[in-house]
Amino acid sequence: MAGALSYTRLGRQEDPSFTIKSMIVQASWPGATVEEMTNQVTDRIERKLQELDTLDFTKSYTTSGQTTVFVNLKDDTPGRDIRDIWVQVRNKVNDIRADFPASVQGPFFNDQFGDVFGNIYALTADGLSFRQLRDYAEQARAQILKLPGAGKVELLGVQDEVVHLNFSTRHIAGLGIDQQAVLTSLQQQNAVAPSGVVQAGPETGEPQGERPVHLGRKPARRQHPGQRPLLPAEPTSPPSRAAMSIRRSRCSASTASRRSASPSA
């Protein structure tokens, strides 16, 4: 009798919650080779994570300019301590952020492995570019998020666009400029700088919010003789396509993977 009564009161859930004891740490370094990424970023992250008492092993995948480190905890780690351990992982990796090269982006952390996807849709189209197909996928994602009960929608298989600039050494030398001048001019097209100090009558003060000023445009305001301009001179326009060729492609790189166990393993 007691067993039959207990059976009717058993908890039932379509997608039960469970604790996954794995975490992903990612970092990017544009332009770095696989060896540079491994020595300067991946090794330092894995050595720092070995200080965790609950660490079982780490597994890393390193490509040109990108590294992914999987952090796996021991099986006997209590589920109630997982959240605090992930905070420790973030703190330890952030402690060595200053040791990374200046152009390293990240690290970024992902411990949301408990999300369950109920439906997976594939989008294919003939005659459309990857950019157009991604735009349609973004529109579908926005519409799905409006449905009641939809909590999370992710796009898988998205390929980032890459623009290649191939310089002609002969044409660049004929124009009297170098490659660095071209890159500097391109970087300044969308540069933003603080607007400076506002002076109204006898009172001078800093504005509450900084108004963006595009350096690629000439400021429309008067300047008194001898007054130092707040903005630099308008950058030189980049050379014509006769001096360079522009080509678009998709990201592709070689990959290196490995697995490292904790010292106590």
Protein backbone atom coordinates (compact mmCIF):
# COMPACT_ATOMS: atom_id res chain seq x y z
CA MET A 1 0.00 0.00 0.00
CA ALA A 2 2.77 2.44 0.95
CA GLY A 3 4.73 1.60 -2.19
CA ALA A 4 1.76 2.19 -4.47
CA LEU A 5 1.06 5.53 -2.79
CA SER A 6 4.70 6.61 -3.15
CA TYR A 7 4.68 5.67 -6.85
CA THR A 8 1.89 8.14 -7.55
CA ARG A 9 3.93 10.92 -5.91
CA LEU A 10 7.17 10.39 -7.80
CA GLY A 11 8.60 13.52 -9.44
CA ARG A 12 8.22 13.62 -13.20
CA GLN A 13 9.80 16.10 -15.60
CA GLU A 14 10.28 16.01 -19.36
CA ASP A 15 13.69 17.69 -19.25
CA PRO A 16 15.13 17.07 -15.76
CA SER A 17 17.92 19.36 -14.59
CA PHE A 18 21.36 17.83 -14.06
CA THR A 19 24.82 19.20 -13.37
CA ILE A 20 27.49 18.98 -16.05
CA LYS A 21 31.00 19.22 -14.66
CA SER A 22 32.65 20.70 -17.73
CA MET A 23 33.49 24.24 -18.80
CA ILE A 24 34.94 25.87 -21.93
CA VAL A 25 37.57 28.63 -21.88
CA GLN A 26 38.24 30.33 -25.22
CA ALA A 27 40.66 33.03 -26.35
CA SER A 28 41.66 34.49 -29.71
CA TRP A 29 44.85 36.13 -30.96
CA PRO A 30 44.42 37.40 -34.53
CA GLY A 31 47.42 36.68 -36.71
CA ALA A 32 49.12 34.21 -34.34
CA THR A 33 50.31 30.79 -35.51
CA VAL A 34 49.39 27.51 -33.84
CA GLU A 35 52.76 27.34 -32.06
CA GLU A 36 52.53 30.93 -30.79
CA MET A 37 48.96 30.39 -29.62
CA THR A 38 49.95 27.21 -27.79
CA ASN A 39 53.02 28.64 -26.04
CA GLN A 40 51.69 32.10 -25.16
CA VAL A 41 48.02 31.37 -24.33
CA THR A 42 47.03 27.70 -24.10
CA ASP A 43 49.94 26.56 -21.90
CA ARG A 44 49.46 29.43 -19.47
CA ILE A 45 45.75 28.76 -19.08
CA GLU A 46 46.25 25.04 -18.47
CA ARG A 47 49.08 25.55 -15.97
CA LYS A 48 46.95 27.99 -14.00
CA LEU A 49 43.95 25.65 -13.97
CA GLN A 50 46.08 22.86 -12.48
CA GLU A 51 45.85 24.73 -9.16
CA LEU A 52 42.22 23.58 -8.80
CA ASP A 53 41.82 20.75 -6.29
CA THR A 54 38.74 19.40 -8.08
CA LEU A 55 40.31 19.38 -11.57
CA ASP A 56 40.31 16.01 -13.34
CA PHE A 57 41.87 16.92 -16.69
CA THR A 58 41.91 19.61 -19.38
CA LYS A 59 41.61 19.13 -23.13
CA SER A 60 42.55 21.86 -25.58
CA TYR A 61 42.12 22.54 -29.30
CA THR A 62 44.41 25.19 -30.76
CA THR A 63 44.18 26.71 -34.23
CA SER A 64 45.80 29.73 -35.84
CA GLY A 65 44.62 32.65 -33.73
CA GLN A 66 42.16 30.61 -31.64
CA THR A 67 42.31 28.28 -28.62
CA THR A 68 39.62 26.30 -26.80
CA VAL A 69 40.28 24.65 -23.43
CA PHE A 70 37.82 22.16 -21.92
CA VAL A 71 37.90 22.07 -18.11
CA ASN A 72 36.62 18.78 -16.66
CA LEU A 73 36.10 18.27 -12.92
CA LYS A 74 36.32 15.04 -10.94
CA ASP A 75 33.26 12.80 -10.85
CA ASP A 76 32.99 12.99 -7.08
CA THR A 77 32.73 16.80 -7.07
CA PRO A 78 29.48 17.77 -5.28
CA GLY A 79 26.93 19.39 -7.56
CA ARG A 80 26.26 22.15 -5.04
CA ASP A 81 29.89 23.32 -5.35
CA ILE A 82 30.01 23.52 -9.16
CA ARG A 83 28.87 27.15 -9.35
CA ASP A 84 31.55 28.29 -6.89
CA ILE A 85 34.22 26.29 -8.74
CA TRP A 86 33.38 28.01 -12.02
CA VAL A 87 33.82 31.34 -10.27
CA GLN A 88 37.27 30.18 -9.15
CA VAL A 89 38.13 29.22 -12.74
CA ARG A 90 37.17 32.68 -13.95
CA ASN A 91 39.19 34.35 -11.20
CA LYS A 92 42.30 32.26 -11.80
CA VAL A 93 42.31 32.82 -15.57
CA ASN A 94 41.63 36.53 -15.12
CA ASP A 95 44.63 36.72 -12.77
CA ILE A 96 46.97 35.85 -15.66
CA ARG A 97 45.23 38.06 -18.21
CA ALA A 98 48.08 40.58 -17.95
CA ASP A 99 50.59 37.86 -18.93
CA PHE A 100 48.97 37.36 -22.33
CA PRO A 101 50.13 39.35 -25.37
CA ALA A 102 48.44 42.73 -25.72
CA SER A 103 46.40 41.75 -28.79
CA VAL A 104 44.83 38.64 -27.21
CA GLN A 105 41.03 38.83 -27.05
CA GLY A 106 39.38 37.15 -24.08
CA PRO A 107 39.46 34.71 -22.38
CA PHE A 108 35.76 33.91 -22.65
CA PHE A 109 33.96 31.34 -20.50
CA ASN A 110 31.00 29.07 -21.18
CA ASP A 111 29.49 26.78 -18.54
CA GLN A 112 25.90 26.72 -19.83
CA PHE A 113 25.82 23.06 -20.82
CA GLY A 114 22.48 22.33 -19.18
CA ASP A 115 20.40 23.92 -21.94
CA VAL A 116 18.36 21.41 -23.91
CA PHE A 117 17.39 22.09 -27.54
CA GLY A 118 14.10 20.52 -28.49
CA ASN A 119 14.27 21.23 -32.24
CA ILE A 120 17.07 21.62 -34.76
CA TYR A 121 16.40 23.16 -38.18
CA ALA A 122 18.77 23.20 -41.16
CA LEU A 123 18.66 26.02 -43.72
CA THR A 124 19.88 25.43 -47.27
CA ALA A 125 19.54 27.63 -50.33
CA ASP A 126 20.83 27.46 -53.88
CA GLY A 127 22.11 30.66 -55.44
CA LEU A 128 22.52 32.54 -52.12
CA SER A 129 25.78 33.54 -50.53
CA PHE A 130 26.72 32.67 -46.95
CA ARG A 131 26.01 36.26 -45.95
CA GLN A 132 22.49 36.18 -47.41
CA LEU A 133 21.78 32.77 -45.87
CA ARG A 134 22.91 34.07 -42.48
CA ASP A 135 20.60 37.08 -42.78
CA TYR A 136 17.62 34.77 -43.36
CA ALA A 137 18.71 32.65 -40.39
CA GLU A 138 18.88 35.76 -38.19
CA GLN A 139 15.36 36.73 -39.24
CA ALA A 140 14.08 33.23 -38.41
CA ARG A 141 15.83 33.37 -35.04
CA ALA A 142 14.15 36.69 -34.19
CA GLN A 143 10.73 35.27 -35.02
CA ILE A 144 11.28 32.07 -33.03
CA LEU A 145 12.29 34.03 -29.93
CA LYS A 146 8.87 35.69 -29.99
CA LEU A 147 7.12 32.34 -29.47
CA PRO A 148 5.86 31.62 -25.94
CA GLY A 149 8.16 29.20 -24.12
CA ALA A 150 11.17 29.74 -26.41
CA GLY A 151 14.15 30.42 -24.18
CA LYS A 152 17.28 30.18 -26.33
CA VAL A 153 18.06 29.98 -30.05
CA GLU A 154 21.57 29.46 -31.38
CA LEU A 155 22.98 29.48 -34.91
CA LEU A 156 25.39 26.63 -35.65
CA GLY A 157 27.83 26.43 -38.53
CA VAL A 158 28.12 30.19 -39.04
CA GLN A 159 31.28 31.12 -40.94
CA ASP A 160 32.84 34.51 -40.33
CA GLU A 161 33.80 36.63 -43.31
CA VAL A 162 37.45 37.56 -43.90
CA VAL A 163 38.65 40.38 -46.16
CA HIS A 164 42.11 39.97 -47.69
CA LEU A 165 44.06 43.01 -48.93
CA ASN A 166 46.75 42.11 -51.45
CA PHE A 167 49.14 45.04 -51.93
CA SER A 168 51.04 45.73 -55.11
CA THR A 169 54.55 46.65 -54.03
CA ARG A 170 55.26 48.51 -57.26
CA HIS A 171 52.11 50.67 -57.13
CA ILE A 172 52.49 51.35 -53.40
CA ALA A 173 56.09 52.50 -53.89
CA GLY A 174 55.01 54.68 -56.82
CA LEU A 175 52.48 56.48 -54.61
CA GLY A 176 55.14 57.17 -51.99
CA ILE A 177 53.41 55.30 -49.16
CA ASP A 178 53.89 51.99 -47.37
CA GLN A 179 51.55 49.25 -46.19
CA GLN A 180 51.40 50.60 -42.62
CA ALA A 181 50.09 53.94 -43.91
CA VAL A 182 47.28 52.13 -45.73
CA LEU A 183 46.34 50.15 -42.62
CA THR A 184 46.43 53.27 -40.48
CA SER A 185 44.15 55.10 -42.91
CA LEU A 186 41.64 52.22 -42.90
CA GLN A 187 41.63 52.05 -39.08
CA GLN A 188 40.92 55.77 -38.81
CA GLN A 189 37.82 55.65 -41.00
CA ASN A 190 35.54 54.68 -38.09
CA ALA A 191 37.68 55.90 -35.19
CA VAL A 192 35.85 57.52 -32.25
CA ALA A 193 37.40 59.94 -29.75
CA PRO A 194 36.10 61.94 -26.74
CA SER A 195 34.71 65.36 -27.63
CA GLY A 196 36.78 67.23 -25.04
CA VAL A 197 35.65 70.00 -22.64
CA VAL A 198 32.62 72.24 -23.11
CA GLN A 199 33.03 75.92 -22.15
CA ALA A 200 29.91 78.11 -21.73
CA GLY A 201 30.64 81.65 -20.56
CA PRO A 202 32.66 81.90 -17.34
CA GLU A 203 31.96 78.29 -16.32
CA THR A 204 33.88 75.32 -17.61
CA GLY A 205 32.99 71.73 -17.01
CA GLU A 206 33.14 68.29 -18.47
CA PRO A 207 30.03 66.99 -20.23
CA GLN A 208 28.05 64.27 -18.50
CA GLY A 209 28.43 61.93 -21.48
CA GLU A 210 31.10 61.78 -24.15
CA ARG A 211 29.79 62.60 -27.60
CA PRO A 212 31.44 60.44 -30.28
CA VAL A 213 33.37 62.34 -32.93
CA HIS A 214 34.31 60.54 -36.15
CA LEU A 215 37.90 61.32 -36.99
CA GLY A 216 37.34 60.60 -40.66
CA ARG A 217 35.18 63.72 -40.99
CA LYS A 218 36.35 67.31 -40.87
CA PRO A 219 34.85 69.14 -37.82
CA ALA A 220 32.44 71.92 -38.75
CA ARG A 221 33.41 74.57 -36.17
CA ARG A 222 35.57 77.68 -35.92
CA GLN A 223 38.93 77.83 -34.20
CA HIS A 224 40.63 80.93 -32.85
CA PRO A 225 44.16 81.72 -34.03
CA GLY A 226 46.69 79.77 -32.01
CA GLN A 227 44.08 77.40 -30.61
CA ARG A 228 45.14 73.75 -30.61
CA PRO A 229 42.64 71.55 -32.47
CA LEU A 230 40.97 68.75 -30.54
CA LEU A 231 40.92 66.42 -33.55
CA PRO A 232 43.81 65.26 -35.74
CA ALA A 233 44.00 66.07 -39.38
CA GLU A 234 41.79 64.19 -41.79
CA PRO A 235 43.51 60.93 -42.76
CA THR A 236 44.78 60.35 -46.22
CA SER A 237 42.38 58.37 -48.38
CA PRO A 238 43.48 54.82 -49.07
CA PRO A 239 45.02 54.08 -52.46
CA SER A 240 42.86 52.99 -55.37
CA ARG A 241 42.24 49.40 -56.35
CA ALA A 242 45.07 49.67 -58.88
CA ALA A 243 47.47 49.42 -55.93
CA MET A 244 45.67 46.60 -54.11
CA SER A 245 43.17 43.81 -54.63
CA ILE A 246 40.36 42.95 -52.22
CA ARG A 247 39.19 39.37 -51.81
CA ARG A 248 36.63 37.86 -49.45
CA SER A 249 36.79 34.34 -48.07
CA ARG A 250 35.85 32.19 -45.06
CA CYS A 251 37.90 31.33 -42.01
CA SER A 252 39.93 28.13 -42.23
CA ALA A 253 42.98 27.12 -40.20
CA SER A 254 45.03 24.15 -39.08
CA THR A 255 44.17 22.58 -35.73
CA ALA A 256 46.18 21.12 -32.87
CA SER A 257 44.59 19.24 -29.98
CA ARG A 258 45.83 17.68 -26.77
CA ARG A 259 44.70 16.48 -23.35
CA SER A 260 46.38 17.29 -20.02
CA ALA A 261 45.58 15.62 -16.71
CA SER A 262 45.87 17.19 -13.30
CA PRO A 263 49.09 16.52 -11.31
CA SER A 264 47.24 14.21 -8.91
CA ALA A 265 45.81 12.03 -11.69
